[in-house]
Structures are given as C-alpha cells and as structure tokens.
Amino acid sequence: MALVRRIRDALPPEHHATFADTIAGDTKHILAWVKENNPNRFAPDRAKKQVQPPGDPDCRLGVKRRSNQQPTPTTDGQSPTQSKAEAYWGYASGIVVTRTPFGSIVLAEHTQPINAGDMTYFDPLMAQVEQTLGRRPRNGVWDAAFDSQRVYTYFHTAGGMAAVPVRKTNQPRQFSPDGLPLCAAGLAMPQQFTYAMNTNGPPQERARHRCPLLYPTATGEPCPTNDKHFATGGCVTTIGTQVGATLRWTIDRGSATYKALYRERALVEQINSQAYALGIEWPKLRRQSAVAAWTSLIYVVINLRVVHRQQGTHDPIHA
C-alpha cells in the first residue's frame, strides 16, 4: 500500500487526481507443492476432493484452465467447441492492477484456495484499492467470471463503467423504458415480489416478474407468441434489483468506448507474465499463509521495478 502511494506521489501533480481511475482485475492459479499435482507420481486419489493431500492441508481441488477442443463433426456437419477442465490442487491469487507512465503496478492482491468462487475476490480486492486510493476507481475491466450485477453497480456508482463480457450461458435480456424486463412477446413484466439471495458475497436482492397478461389480474388476452407456459400461469423471470442487473445487458459492448476500456485488460496479462517469470505458479511452499506471503512478495518486486524505472529514467515506458 505504501509502495503504491510512493509511486503515485512521484508522478506529476496533475496525474494524482486521476491515478488508478481505470483498473483491471483477474485471478491467477497457483499449484500446491503436493504429489497429487505431479502426473508422473502415482496418486490414485488425485482428483477426489474428499481426499486431502497430506503435503498441504490448506490447498483445495479446483480447475486450472479450460482448453477448447474440436470433436468429431456431427451429422449436420457442425463441429461444436467443447470445454475440457484440468483439475489441480492449489490456490489462486486475485489482483487489481493499473497503468502508470513507467509500467503496470499491482494495487491489491488476495490469495485463497482455488475452490473459492471468482466473485469472492471482488470485495476484498476493491476494499484494498479504496483504502489505498481513498476513493473508488471509476472504471473496471474484468473477465466473464465477474459478470455480476455487483460489479456493474460498483463502477456505475463511482461515475464510470465496468467492461465485462457477458457469460455465454446467459440469455440476452431486453427492458422497457422504465426498466422492467420484457418477455418473448416484448411485453413489460410487472414485479411480483423481491427476496434476498445468498451469493459469493453479501446477499443480493432479486425480483420476481410475471406475465403482464395474467398478473396482477388476467386481461383475457391470449399470448402473442402462444407460449406453452401461458396455460399454467405464464412466463416468470427473476432479475437483480440493483442498477447493475440492467446495465450488464444494456451496455453497448460494440462501442468504441467499451472496446478502448476493455483493451486495458492487457495490464493484467503483463503483470501475470512477470509473476509467472518470478515463479508464482509453482511455489515450493506448504500452507496457505506461506503461499500468500510468497505471492505478496512477488507483487512487491514487480512494483519495485516500476519505482526503479521512475528513479532511473526520464523517458516513461508504455506497459
């Protein structure tokens, strides 16, 4: 934290107010130092999450990466992409980074077992960022794992926007001018009730919406699309009540503004590349506390490189 402030204070005064106005975040996998992660060692229970590796009592089983494979074409001539998950025992490090004239720096980091959901990183990371900056950053760039109303709401209330791809598993939504979700027939669906849903973080309020032809009273009109659910109460949908729940569907991801912002995701890749070269993926350590201290040290080294460039050159580099 003090190192980040030192980097900020060394910048020209006119850059202080907008320092870290745009941030990017992501998670990086870390493999535990256990034989279950060595494919050349006999470990029959390596993929059973109930069988904890004796070499590290804190690590957990999770997914390292997903690779696309092209299976045999189907009878209709198509060759759909399939996803293959690679399991391993270990941890993950979440980071938030930003750009400076002398290179990308790490603003916040949080390490925990790999089985923790991606969204469990968001609140701890942003709390660190706010403590360091004394304010919220305006714009944030994340991958589709952070496609949550909380993320969109956070940056919207800060006066900016979140650049996050929509998860492909979700169906696109459309809304009426007053923010109500539209059914397949294009009719605004009134709200029936709200409830709190427990997620990876604070409980989120969601709203249940019903068919406008049947709720709150039946109009006697038939469904324009002859939907099969009409005879049993009509279509029902749920959506978050925060402004981010609407923003995630209405942000123009084809706009020049969105594309320019999303290109800042390269900052995370630059930091991850440096961290990889410093050995972040394979720490020869056991226990979460030791691994977390190791990752913190790596990010300090990366930030110190920026300090060195600030002190040793008058020609900023673009990273």
C-alpha atoms as a PDB file:
ATOM      1  CA  MET A   1       0.000   0.000   0.000  1.00  0.00           C
ATOM      2  CA  ALA A   2       2.764   2.460   0.969  1.00  0.00           C
ATOM      3  CA  LEU A   3       4.698   1.468  -2.151  1.00  0.00           C
ATOM      4  CA  VAL A   4       1.724   2.230  -4.396  1.00  0.00           C
ATOM      5  CA  ARG A   5       1.324   5.651  -2.775  1.00  0.00           C
ATOM      6  CA  ARG A   6       5.014   6.300  -3.302  1.00  0.00           C
ATOM      7  CA  ILE A   7       4.631   5.554  -6.992  1.00  0.00           C
ATOM      8  CA  ARG A   8       1.612   7.860  -7.188  1.00  0.00           C
ATOM      9  CA  ASP A   9       3.329  10.698  -5.308  1.00  0.00           C
ATOM     10  CA  ALA A  10       6.322  10.522  -7.651  1.00  0.00           C
ATOM     11  CA  LEU A  11       4.088  11.266 -10.646  1.00  0.00           C
ATOM     12  CA  PRO A  12       3.485  14.855 -11.811  1.00  0.00           C
ATOM     13  CA  PRO A  13       0.841  16.556  -9.620  1.00  0.00           C
ATOM     14  CA  GLU A  14      -1.649  16.768 -12.485  1.00  0.00           C
ATOM     15  CA  HIS A  15      -1.773  12.933 -12.569  1.00  0.00           C
ATOM     16  CA  HIS A  16      -2.628  12.483  -8.879  1.00  0.00           C
ATOM     17  CA  ALA A  17      -6.372  13.131  -9.169  1.00  0.00           C
ATOM     18  CA  THR A  18      -6.846  10.552 -11.943  1.00  0.00           C
ATOM     19  CA  PHE A  19      -4.317   7.999 -10.695  1.00  0.00           C
ATOM     20  CA  ALA A  20      -5.832   4.491 -10.976  1.00  0.00           C
ATOM     21  CA  ASP A  21      -9.126   5.828 -12.322  1.00  0.00           C
ATOM     22  CA  THR A  22      -9.138   2.724 -14.516  1.00  0.00           C
ATOM     23  CA  ILE A  23      -8.226  -0.648 -13.047  1.00  0.00           C
ATOM     24  CA  ALA A  24      -8.200  -4.244 -14.283  1.00  0.00           C
ATOM     25  CA  GLY A  25      -8.642  -7.383 -12.208  1.00  0.00           C
ATOM     26  CA  ASP A  26      -8.265 -11.132 -12.579  1.00  0.00           C
ATOM     27  CA  THR A  27      -7.219 -14.320 -10.785  1.00  0.00           C
ATOM     28  CA  LYS A  28      -4.075 -16.434 -11.315  1.00  0.00           C
ATOM     29  CA  HIS A  29      -3.802 -20.115 -10.491  1.00  0.00           C
ATOM     30  CA  ILE A  30      -1.088 -21.415  -8.144  1.00  0.00           C
ATOM     31  CA  LEU A  31      -0.267 -25.109  -7.910  1.00  0.00           C
ATOM     32  CA  ALA A  32       0.260 -26.636  -4.483  1.00  0.00           C
ATOM     33  CA  TRP A  33       3.528 -28.449  -3.771  1.00  0.00           C
ATOM     34  CA  VAL A  34       1.974 -31.898  -3.462  1.00  0.00           C
ATOM     35  CA  LYS A  35       2.492 -35.162  -5.311  1.00  0.00           C
ATOM     36  CA  GLU A  36      -1.142 -35.111  -6.466  1.00  0.00           C
ATOM     37  CA  ASN A  37      -0.168 -32.361  -8.913  1.00  0.00           C
ATOM     38  CA  ASN A  38       2.663 -34.414 -10.409  1.00  0.00           C
ATOM     39  CA  PRO A  39       1.340 -36.524 -13.311  1.00  0.00           C
ATOM     40  CA  ASN A  40       4.454 -38.728 -13.080  1.00  0.00           C
ATOM     41  CA  ARG A  41       3.718 -39.759  -9.495  1.00  0.00           C
ATOM     42  CA  PHE A  42       1.253 -42.466  -8.554  1.00  0.00           C
ATOM     43  CA  ALA A  43      -1.689 -40.801  -6.811  1.00  0.00           C
ATOM     44  CA  PRO A  44      -4.950 -42.704  -7.373  1.00  0.00           C
ATOM     45  CA  ASP A  45      -6.975 -40.176  -5.364  1.00  0.00           C
ATOM     46  CA  ARG A  46      -5.555 -37.060  -7.035  1.00  0.00           C
ATOM     47  CA  ALA A  47      -8.957 -35.940  -8.385  1.00  0.00           C
ATOM     48  CA  LYS A  48     -11.032 -36.691  -5.272  1.00  0.00           C
ATOM     49  CA  LYS A  49     -11.731 -33.515  -3.340  1.00  0.00           C
ATOM     50  CA  GLN A  50     -12.633 -35.536  -0.248  1.00  0.00           C
ATOM     51  CA  VAL A  51      -9.071 -36.932  -0.026  1.00  0.00           C
ATOM     52  CA  GLN A  52      -6.892 -34.059   1.188  1.00  0.00           C
ATOM     53  CA  PRO A  53      -3.229 -34.241   0.095  1.00  0.00           C
ATOM     54  CA  PRO A  54      -1.094 -34.799   3.220  1.00  0.00           C
ATOM     55  CA  GLY A  55       1.573 -32.476   1.831  1.00  0.00           C
ATOM     56  CA  ASP A  56      -0.605 -29.363   2.201  1.00  0.00           C
ATOM     57  CA  PRO A  57      -3.683 -29.334   4.459  1.00  0.00           C
ATOM     58  CA  ASP A  58      -4.850 -25.921   3.179  1.00  0.00           C
ATOM     59  CA  CYS A  59      -4.891 -26.414  -0.592  1.00  0.00           C
ATOM     60  CA  ARG A  60      -8.094 -27.381  -2.382  1.00  0.00           C
ATOM     61  CA  LEU A  61      -9.066 -29.053  -5.643  1.00  0.00           C
ATOM     62  CA  GLY A  62     -10.045 -26.724  -8.474  1.00  0.00           C
ATOM     63  CA  VAL A  63      -9.806 -26.010 -12.193  1.00  0.00           C
ATOM     64  CA  LYS A  64      -6.556 -24.777 -13.675  1.00  0.00           C
ATOM     65  CA  ARG A  65      -7.726 -23.880 -17.163  1.00  0.00           C
ATOM     66  CA  ARG A  66     -10.197 -24.817 -19.868  1.00  0.00           C
ATOM     67  CA  SER A  67      -8.961 -25.705 -23.347  1.00  0.00           C
ATOM     68  CA  ASN A  68     -11.090 -25.722 -26.448  1.00  0.00           C
ATOM     69  CA  GLN A  69     -11.185 -28.933 -28.427  1.00  0.00           C
ATOM     70  CA  GLN A  70     -12.851 -29.668 -31.741  1.00  0.00           C
ATOM     71  CA  PRO A  71     -14.706 -33.013 -31.538  1.00  0.00           C
ATOM     72  CA  THR A  72     -15.761 -35.163 -34.446  1.00  0.00           C
ATOM     73  CA  PRO A  73     -18.238 -33.262 -36.669  1.00  0.00           C
ATOM     74  CA  THR A  74     -21.876 -34.085 -36.007  1.00  0.00           C
ATOM     75  CA  THR A  75     -24.301 -35.487 -38.534  1.00  0.00           C
ATOM     76  CA  ASP A  76     -25.367 -31.992 -39.555  1.00  0.00           C
ATOM     77  CA  GLY A  77     -21.804 -31.107 -40.455  1.00  0.00           C
ATOM     78  CA  GLN A  78     -21.212 -28.868 -37.447  1.00  0.00           C
ATOM     79  CA  SER A  79     -18.175 -29.165 -35.199  1.00  0.00           C
ATOM     80  CA  PRO A  80     -19.147 -27.620 -31.864  1.00  0.00           C
ATOM     81  CA  THR A  81     -16.488 -26.442 -29.448  1.00  0.00           C
ATOM     82  CA  GLN A  82     -16.237 -28.410 -26.232  1.00  0.00           C
ATOM     83  CA  SER A  83     -14.651 -27.305 -22.983  1.00  0.00           C
ATOM     84  CA  LYS A  84     -12.192 -29.511 -21.120  1.00  0.00           C
ATOM     85  CA  ALA A  85     -11.385 -28.770 -17.485  1.00  0.00           C
ATOM     86  CA  GLU A  86      -7.980 -29.577 -15.962  1.00  0.00           C
ATOM     87  CA  ALA A  87      -8.145 -30.167 -12.215  1.00  0.00           C
ATOM     88  CA  TYR A  88      -5.339 -29.499  -9.759  1.00  0.00           C
ATOM     89  CA  TRP A  89      -4.748 -28.886  -6.066  1.00  0.00           C
ATOM     90  CA  GLY A  90      -3.763 -25.390  -5.121  1.00  0.00           C
ATOM     91  CA  TYR A  91      -4.652 -21.757  -4.698  1.00  0.00           C
ATOM     92  CA  ALA A  92      -5.458 -18.674  -6.728  1.00  0.00           C
ATOM     93  CA  SER A  93      -4.273 -15.118  -6.420  1.00  0.00           C
ATOM     94  CA  GLY A  94      -6.636 -12.292  -7.281  1.00  0.00           C
ATOM     95  CA  ILE A  95      -5.093  -8.983  -8.301  1.00  0.00           C
ATOM     96  CA  VAL A  96      -6.135  -5.469  -9.256  1.00  0.00           C
ATOM     97  CA  VAL A  97      -3.705  -3.543 -11.441  1.00  0.00           C
ATOM     98  CA  THR A  98      -3.462  -0.124 -13.054  1.00  0.00           C
ATOM     99  CA  ARG A  99      -1.340   1.753 -15.560  1.00  0.00           C
ATOM    100  CA  THR A 100       1.409   4.278 -14.807  1.00  0.00           C
ATOM    101  CA  PRO A 101       3.772   6.048 -17.250  1.00  0.00           C
ATOM    102  CA  PHE A 102       6.514   3.721 -16.024  1.00  0.00           C
ATOM    103  CA  GLY A 103       4.676   0.400 -16.194  1.00  0.00           C
ATOM    104  CA  SER A 104       1.747  -1.530 -14.752  1.00  0.00           C
ATOM    105  CA  ILE A 105       1.555  -1.887 -10.963  1.00  0.00           C
ATOM    106  CA  VAL A 106      -0.403  -4.055  -8.536  1.00  0.00           C
ATOM    107  CA  LEU A 107      -2.879  -2.097  -6.400  1.00  0.00           C
ATOM    108  CA  ALA A 108      -4.304  -5.034  -4.426  1.00  0.00           C
ATOM    109  CA  GLU A 109      -3.926  -8.791  -4.111  1.00  0.00           C
ATOM    110  CA  HIS A 110      -5.775 -11.577  -2.325  1.00  0.00           C
ATOM    111  CA  THR A 111      -4.818 -15.273  -2.223  1.00  0.00           C
ATOM    112  CA  GLN A 112      -7.111 -18.123  -1.188  1.00  0.00           C
ATOM    113  CA  PRO A 113      -7.775 -21.795  -2.065  1.00  0.00           C
ATOM    114  CA  ILE A 114      -8.696 -22.381  -5.682  1.00  0.00           C
ATOM    115  CA  ASN A 115     -12.171 -23.731  -4.914  1.00  0.00           C
ATOM    116  CA  ALA A 116     -13.341 -20.251  -3.867  1.00  0.00           C
ATOM    117  CA  GLY A 117     -15.568 -18.608  -6.464  1.00  0.00           C
ATOM    118  CA  ASP A 118     -14.165 -15.763  -8.548  1.00  0.00           C
ATOM    119  CA  MET A 119     -16.614 -13.244  -7.132  1.00  0.00           C
ATOM    120  CA  THR A 120     -15.317 -13.908  -3.590  1.00  0.00           C
ATOM    121  CA  TYR A 121     -12.212 -11.939  -4.631  1.00  0.00           C
ATOM    122  CA  PHE A 122     -14.042  -8.807  -5.715  1.00  0.00           C
ATOM    123  CA  ASP A 123     -14.980  -7.258  -2.367  1.00  0.00           C
ATOM    124  CA  PRO A 124     -11.623  -7.874  -0.584  1.00  0.00           C
ATOM    125  CA  LEU A 125      -9.686  -6.556  -3.581  1.00  0.00           C
ATOM    126  CA  MET A 126     -11.772  -3.423  -4.018  1.00  0.00           C
ATOM    127  CA  ALA A 127     -11.651  -2.740  -0.266  1.00  0.00           C
ATOM    128  CA  GLN A 128      -7.850  -2.705  -0.506  1.00  0.00           C
ATOM    129  CA  VAL A 129      -7.971  -0.433  -3.548  1.00  0.00           C
ATOM    130  CA  GLU A 130     -10.269   2.034  -1.819  1.00  0.00           C
ATOM    131  CA  GLN A 131      -8.069   2.064   1.275  1.00  0.00           C
ATOM    132  CA  THR A 132      -5.011   2.824  -0.848  1.00  0.00           C
ATOM    133  CA  LEU A 133      -6.593   5.447  -3.094  1.00  0.00           C
ATOM    134  CA  GLY A 134      -9.017   6.956  -0.605  1.00  0.00           C
ATOM    135  CA  ARG A 135     -11.772   6.656  -3.220  1.00  0.00           C
ATOM    136  CA  ARG A 136     -13.292   4.260  -5.712  1.00  0.00           C
ATOM    137  CA  PRO A 137     -11.760   3.849  -9.165  1.00  0.00           C
ATOM    138  CA  ARG A 138     -14.197   4.921 -11.865  1.00  0.00           C
ATOM    139  CA  ASN A 139     -13.698   2.167 -14.450  1.00  0.00           C
ATOM    140  CA  GLY A 140     -13.014  -1.542 -14.080  1.00  0.00           C
ATOM    141  CA  VAL A 141     -12.085  -4.301 -16.516  1.00  0.00           C
ATOM    142  CA  TRP A 142     -12.724  -7.971 -15.633  1.00  0.00           C
ATOM    143  CA  ASP A 143     -13.303 -11.236 -17.465  1.00  0.00           C
ATOM    144  CA  ALA A 144     -16.656 -13.031 -17.766  1.00  0.00           C
ATOM    145  CA  ALA A 145     -16.224 -14.763 -14.390  1.00  0.00           C
ATOM    146  CA  PHE A 146     -17.036 -11.360 -12.849  1.00  0.00           C
ATOM    147  CA  ASP A 147     -20.214 -10.848 -14.881  1.00  0.00           C
ATOM    148  CA  SER A 148     -22.273  -9.884 -11.837  1.00  0.00           C
ATOM    149  CA  GLN A 149     -24.667  -7.046 -11.071  1.00  0.00           C
ATOM    150  CA  ARG A 150     -22.446  -6.123  -8.121  1.00  0.00           C
ATOM    151  CA  VAL A 151     -19.522  -5.333 -10.419  1.00  0.00           C
ATOM    152  CA  TYR A 152     -21.573  -3.181 -12.790  1.00  0.00           C
ATOM    153  CA  THR A 153     -23.255  -1.376  -9.892  1.00  0.00           C
ATOM    154  CA  TYR A 154     -19.924  -0.687  -8.163  1.00  0.00           C
ATOM    155  CA  PHE A 155     -18.376   1.177 -11.073  1.00  0.00           C
ATOM    156  CA  HIS A 156     -21.620   2.843 -12.126  1.00  0.00           C
ATOM    157  CA  THR A 157     -21.999   4.418  -8.679  1.00  0.00           C
ATOM    158  CA  ALA A 158     -18.347   5.524  -8.907  1.00  0.00           C
ATOM    159  CA  GLY A 159     -19.221   7.539 -12.007  1.00  0.00           C
ATOM    160  CA  GLY A 160     -17.737   5.217 -14.613  1.00  0.00           C
ATOM    161  CA  MET A 161     -18.434   1.793 -16.077  1.00  0.00           C
ATOM    162  CA  ALA A 162     -17.418  -1.846 -15.940  1.00  0.00           C
ATOM    163  CA  ALA A 163     -16.100  -3.539 -19.076  1.00  0.00           C
ATOM    164  CA  VAL A 164     -17.028  -7.197 -18.579  1.00  0.00           C
ATOM    165  CA  PRO A 165     -18.086  -9.773 -21.201  1.00  0.00           C
ATOM    166  CA  VAL A 166     -21.453 -11.433 -20.645  1.00  0.00           C
ATOM    167  CA  ARG A 167     -21.268 -15.106 -19.725  1.00  0.00           C
ATOM    168  CA  LYS A 168     -22.319 -17.183 -22.721  1.00  0.00           C
ATOM    169  CA  THR A 169     -24.628 -19.308 -20.572  1.00  0.00           C
ATOM    170  CA  ASN A 170     -26.946 -16.349 -20.041  1.00  0.00           C
ATOM    171  CA  GLN A 171     -29.745 -15.439 -22.450  1.00  0.00           C
ATOM    172  CA  PRO A 172     -29.885 -11.783 -23.550  1.00  0.00           C
ATOM    173  CA  ARG A 173     -32.485  -9.609 -21.839  1.00  0.00           C
ATOM    174  CA  GLN A 174     -34.359  -6.580 -23.064  1.00  0.00           C
ATOM    175  CA  PHE A 175     -36.032  -3.941 -20.946  1.00  0.00           C
ATOM    176  CA  SER A 176     -38.863  -1.426 -21.135  1.00  0.00           C
ATOM    177  CA  PRO A 177     -38.079   2.326 -20.818  1.00  0.00           C
ATOM    178  CA  ASP A 178     -38.861   2.134 -17.089  1.00  0.00           C
ATOM    179  CA  GLY A 179     -36.506  -0.815 -16.535  1.00  0.00           C
ATOM    180  CA  LEU A 180     -38.907  -3.786 -16.487  1.00  0.00           C
ATOM    181  CA  PRO A 181     -37.745  -6.981 -18.230  1.00  0.00           C
ATOM    182  CA  LEU A 182     -39.546  -7.835 -21.460  1.00  0.00           C
ATOM    183  CA  CYS A 183     -40.990 -11.249 -22.223  1.00  0.00           C
ATOM    184  CA  ALA A 184     -40.525 -13.022 -25.560  1.00  0.00           C
ATOM    185  CA  ALA A 185     -43.546 -11.151 -26.870  1.00  0.00           C
ATOM    186  CA  GLY A 186     -41.963  -7.799 -25.999  1.00  0.00           C
ATOM    187  CA  LEU A 187     -44.328  -7.054 -23.095  1.00  0.00           C
ATOM    188  CA  ALA A 188     -43.094  -5.459 -19.850  1.00  0.00           C
ATOM    189  CA  MET A 189     -43.328  -7.942 -16.975  1.00  0.00           C
ATOM    190  CA  PRO A 190     -44.547  -6.434 -13.665  1.00  0.00           C
ATOM    191  CA  GLN A 191     -42.767  -7.170 -10.404  1.00  0.00           C
ATOM    192  CA  GLN A 192     -44.463  -9.658  -8.083  1.00  0.00           C
ATOM    193  CA  PHE A 193     -42.098  -9.695  -5.079  1.00  0.00           C
ATOM    194  CA  THR A 194     -38.449  -9.373  -4.036  1.00  0.00           C
ATOM    195  CA  TYR A 195     -36.205 -11.661  -1.984  1.00  0.00           C
ATOM    196  CA  ALA A 196     -32.592 -11.866  -0.811  1.00  0.00           C
ATOM    197  CA  MET A 197     -30.332 -14.408  -2.489  1.00  0.00           C
ATOM    198  CA  ASN A 198     -27.094 -15.586  -0.917  1.00  0.00           C
ATOM    199  CA  THR A 199     -24.183 -15.458  -3.366  1.00  0.00           C
ATOM    200  CA  ASN A 200     -20.377 -15.278  -3.214  1.00  0.00           C
ATOM    201  CA  GLY A 201     -20.517 -12.140  -1.115  1.00  0.00           C
ATOM    202  CA  PRO A 202     -23.237 -10.056   0.555  1.00  0.00           C
ATOM    203  CA  PRO A 203     -26.849 -11.191  -0.067  1.00  0.00           C
ATOM    204  CA  GLN A 204     -28.246  -9.747  -3.287  1.00  0.00           C
ATOM    205  CA  GLU A 205     -31.837  -8.610  -3.691  1.00  0.00           C
ATOM    206  CA  ARG A 206     -33.649 -10.138  -6.637  1.00  0.00           C
ATOM    207  CA  ALA A 207     -37.135  -9.529  -8.009  1.00  0.00           C
ATOM    208  CA  ARG A 208     -39.658 -11.997  -9.453  1.00  0.00           C
ATOM    209  CA  HIS A 209     -41.539 -10.757 -12.529  1.00  0.00           C
ATOM    210  CA  ARG A 210     -44.695 -12.309 -14.021  1.00  0.00           C
ATOM    211  CA  CYS A 211     -46.618 -12.351 -17.300  1.00  0.00           C
ATOM    212  CA  PRO A 212     -48.434  -8.983 -17.700  1.00  0.00           C
ATOM    213  CA  LEU A 213     -51.421 -10.690 -19.327  1.00  0.00           C
ATOM    214  CA  LEU A 214     -52.049 -12.763 -16.193  1.00  0.00           C
ATOM    215  CA  TYR A 215     -50.596 -10.690 -13.336  1.00  0.00           C
ATOM    216  CA  PRO A 216     -51.734  -8.853 -11.276  1.00  0.00           C
ATOM    217  CA  THR A 217     -55.054  -9.629 -12.955  1.00  0.00           C
ATOM    218  CA  ALA A 218     -55.869 -11.606 -16.073  1.00  0.00           C
ATOM    219  CA  THR A 219     -56.637  -9.381 -19.073  1.00  0.00           C
ATOM    220  CA  GLY A 220     -58.302 -12.116 -21.119  1.00  0.00           C
ATOM    221  CA  GLU A 221     -55.891 -11.547 -23.992  1.00  0.00           C
ATOM    222  CA  PRO A 222     -54.041 -14.547 -25.492  1.00  0.00           C
ATOM    223  CA  CYS A 223     -50.268 -14.779 -25.510  1.00  0.00           C
ATOM    224  CA  PRO A 224     -48.945 -13.236 -28.779  1.00  0.00           C
ATOM    225  CA  THR A 225     -46.299 -15.970 -29.074  1.00  0.00           C
ATOM    226  CA  ASN A 226     -48.545 -18.831 -27.900  1.00  0.00           C
ATOM    227  CA  ASP A 227     -46.017 -19.664 -25.180  1.00  0.00           C
ATOM    228  CA  LYS A 228     -46.500 -23.114 -23.616  1.00  0.00           C
ATOM    229  CA  HIS A 229     -46.305 -21.637 -20.100  1.00  0.00           C
ATOM    230  CA  PHE A 230     -49.321 -19.384 -20.628  1.00  0.00           C
ATOM    231  CA  ALA A 231     -51.814 -22.074 -19.660  1.00  0.00           C
ATOM    232  CA  THR A 232     -50.050 -22.712 -16.331  1.00  0.00           C
ATOM    233  CA  GLY A 233     -49.545 -19.161 -15.102  1.00  0.00           C
ATOM    234  CA  GLY A 234     -47.448 -17.577 -17.816  1.00  0.00           C
ATOM    235  CA  CYS A 235     -43.754 -16.763 -18.073  1.00  0.00           C
ATOM    236  CA  VAL A 236     -41.786 -15.982 -14.923  1.00  0.00           C
ATOM    237  CA  THR A 237     -38.335 -14.409 -14.685  1.00  0.00           C
ATOM    238  CA  THR A 238     -36.074 -13.178 -11.886  1.00  0.00           C
ATOM    239  CA  ILE A 239     -33.512 -10.392 -12.043  1.00  0.00           C
ATOM    240  CA  GLY A 240     -31.475  -8.389  -9.558  1.00  0.00           C
ATOM    241  CA  THR A 241     -32.873  -5.099  -8.355  1.00  0.00           C
ATOM    242  CA  GLN A 242     -29.541  -3.221  -8.451  1.00  0.00           C
ATOM    243  CA  VAL A 243     -28.869  -0.924 -11.392  1.00  0.00           C
ATOM    244  CA  GLY A 244     -26.064  -3.276 -12.444  1.00  0.00           C
ATOM    245  CA  ALA A 245     -28.562  -6.026 -13.261  1.00  0.00           C
ATOM    246  CA  THR A 246     -29.893  -3.866 -16.088  1.00  0.00           C
ATOM    247  CA  LEU A 247     -26.534  -2.404 -17.085  1.00  0.00           C
ATOM    248  CA  ARG A 248     -24.999  -5.826 -17.753  1.00  0.00           C
ATOM    249  CA  TRP A 249     -27.469  -6.237 -20.627  1.00  0.00           C
ATOM    250  CA  THR A 250     -27.714  -2.670 -21.872  1.00  0.00           C
ATOM    251  CA  ILE A 251     -24.021  -1.699 -22.047  1.00  0.00           C
ATOM    252  CA  ASP A 252     -23.003  -1.292 -25.691  1.00  0.00           C
ATOM    253  CA  ARG A 253     -20.099  -3.727 -25.938  1.00  0.00           C
ATOM    254  CA  GLY A 254     -19.601  -2.814 -29.579  1.00  0.00           C
ATOM    255  CA  SER A 255     -18.948   0.852 -28.858  1.00  0.00           C
ATOM    256  CA  ALA A 256     -15.539   2.454 -29.201  1.00  0.00           C
ATOM    257  CA  THR A 257     -15.666   3.464 -25.528  1.00  0.00           C
ATOM    258  CA  TYR A 258     -16.197  -0.094 -24.325  1.00  0.00           C
ATOM    259  CA  LYS A 259     -13.552  -1.542 -26.651  1.00  0.00           C
ATOM    260  CA  ALA A 260     -10.967   1.036 -25.614  1.00  0.00           C
ATOM    261  CA  LEU A 261     -11.643   0.312 -21.952  1.00  0.00           C
ATOM    262  CA  TYR A 262     -11.557  -3.456 -22.366  1.00  0.00           C
ATOM    263  CA  ARG A 263      -8.135  -3.236 -24.014  1.00  0.00           C
ATOM    264  CA  GLU A 264      -6.834  -2.284 -20.572  1.00  0.00           C
ATOM    265  CA  ARG A 265      -7.211  -5.954 -19.688  1.00  0.00           C
ATOM    266  CA  ALA A 266      -3.744  -6.314 -21.194  1.00  0.00           C
ATOM    267  CA  LEU A 267      -2.427  -4.748 -17.976  1.00  0.00           C
ATOM    268  CA  VAL A 268      -3.377  -7.887 -16.051  1.00  0.00           C
ATOM    269  CA  GLU A 269      -1.688 -10.107 -18.616  1.00  0.00           C
ATOM    270  CA  GLN A 270       1.502  -8.059 -18.289  1.00  0.00           C
ATOM    271  CA  ILE A 271       1.537  -8.467 -14.510  1.00  0.00           C
ATOM    272  CA  ASN A 272       0.714 -12.180 -14.748  1.00  0.00           C
ATOM    273  CA  SER A 273       3.553 -12.640 -17.230  1.00  0.00           C
ATOM    274  CA  GLN A 274       6.020 -11.044 -14.830  1.00  0.00           C
ATOM    275  CA  ALA A 275       4.637 -13.055 -11.914  1.00  0.00           C
ATOM    276  CA  TYR A 276       4.976 -16.267 -13.921  1.00  0.00           C
ATOM    277  CA  ALA A 277       8.632 -15.471 -14.648  1.00  0.00           C
ATOM    278  CA  LEU A 278       9.170 -14.999 -10.910  1.00  0.00           C
ATOM    279  CA  GLY A 279       7.753 -18.460 -10.189  1.00  0.00           C
ATOM    280  CA  ILE A 280       4.279 -17.706  -8.892  1.00  0.00           C
ATOM    281  CA  GLU A 281       2.721 -20.883 -10.346  1.00  0.00           C
ATOM    282  CA  TRP A 282       4.958 -23.382  -8.548  1.00  0.00           C
ATOM    283  CA  PRO A 283       5.946 -22.148  -5.067  1.00  0.00           C
ATOM    284  CA  LYS A 284       7.781 -24.825  -3.110  1.00  0.00           C
ATOM    285  CA  LEU A 285       5.812 -23.981  -0.009  1.00  0.00           C
ATOM    286  CA  ARG A 286       3.121 -25.574   2.089  1.00  0.00           C
ATOM    287  CA  ARG A 287       0.150 -23.955   3.846  1.00  0.00           C
ATOM    288  CA  GLN A 288      -1.923 -21.038   2.649  1.00  0.00           C
ATOM    289  CA  SER A 289      -0.162 -18.454   4.809  1.00  0.00           C
ATOM    290  CA  ALA A 290       3.206 -19.240   3.238  1.00  0.00           C
ATOM    291  CA  VAL A 291       1.816 -19.194  -0.302  1.00  0.00           C
ATOM    292  CA  ALA A 292       0.035 -15.891   0.334  1.00  0.00           C
ATOM    293  CA  ALA A 293       3.241 -14.331   1.669  1.00  0.00           C
ATOM    294  CA  TRP A 294       5.098 -15.595  -1.406  1.00  0.00           C
ATOM    295  CA  THR A 295       2.618 -14.051  -3.832  1.00  0.00           C
ATOM    296  CA  SER A 296       2.713 -10.752  -1.919  1.00  0.00           C
ATOM    297  CA  LEU A 297       6.491 -10.694  -2.209  1.00  0.00           C
ATOM    298  CA  ILE A 298       6.297 -11.276  -5.955  1.00  0.00           C
ATOM    299  CA  TYR A 299       3.915  -8.351  -6.431  1.00  0.00           C
ATOM    300  CA  VAL A 300       6.150  -6.126  -4.290  1.00  0.00           C
ATOM    301  CA  VAL A 301       9.083  -6.983  -6.556  1.00  0.00           C
ATOM    302  CA  ILE A 302       7.007  -6.095  -9.625  1.00  0.00           C
ATOM    303  CA  ASN A 303       6.064  -2.739  -8.117  1.00  0.00           C
ATOM    304  CA  LEU A 304       9.663  -2.073  -7.079  1.00  0.00           C
ATOM    305  CA  ARG A 305      10.683  -2.425 -10.712  1.00  0.00           C
ATOM    306  CA  VAL A 306       8.369   0.475 -11.509  1.00  0.00           C
ATOM    307  CA  VAL A 307       9.912   2.517  -8.690  1.00  0.00           C
ATOM    308  CA  HIS A 308      13.338   1.787 -10.152  1.00  0.00           C
ATOM    309  CA  ARG A 309      12.250   2.979 -13.578  1.00  0.00           C
ATOM    310  CA  GLN A 310      10.791   6.139 -12.063  1.00  0.00           C
ATOM    311  CA  GLN A 311      14.081   6.926 -10.387  1.00  0.00           C
ATOM    312  CA  GLY A 312      16.380   5.840 -13.195  1.00  0.00           C
ATOM    313  CA  THR A 313      14.889   7.355 -16.336  1.00  0.00           C
ATOM    314  CA  HIS A 314      13.133  10.479 -17.578  1.00  0.00           C
ATOM    315  CA  ASP A 315      11.622   8.626 -20.527  1.00  0.00           C
ATOM    316  CA  PRO A 316       8.395   6.857 -19.493  1.00  0.00           C
ATOM    317  CA  ILE A 317       7.720   3.466 -20.997  1.00  0.00           C
ATOM    318  CA  HIS A 318       4.314   2.259 -22.054  1.00  0.00           C
ATOM    319  CA  ALA A 319       3.325  -1.042 -20.497  1.00  0.00           C
END
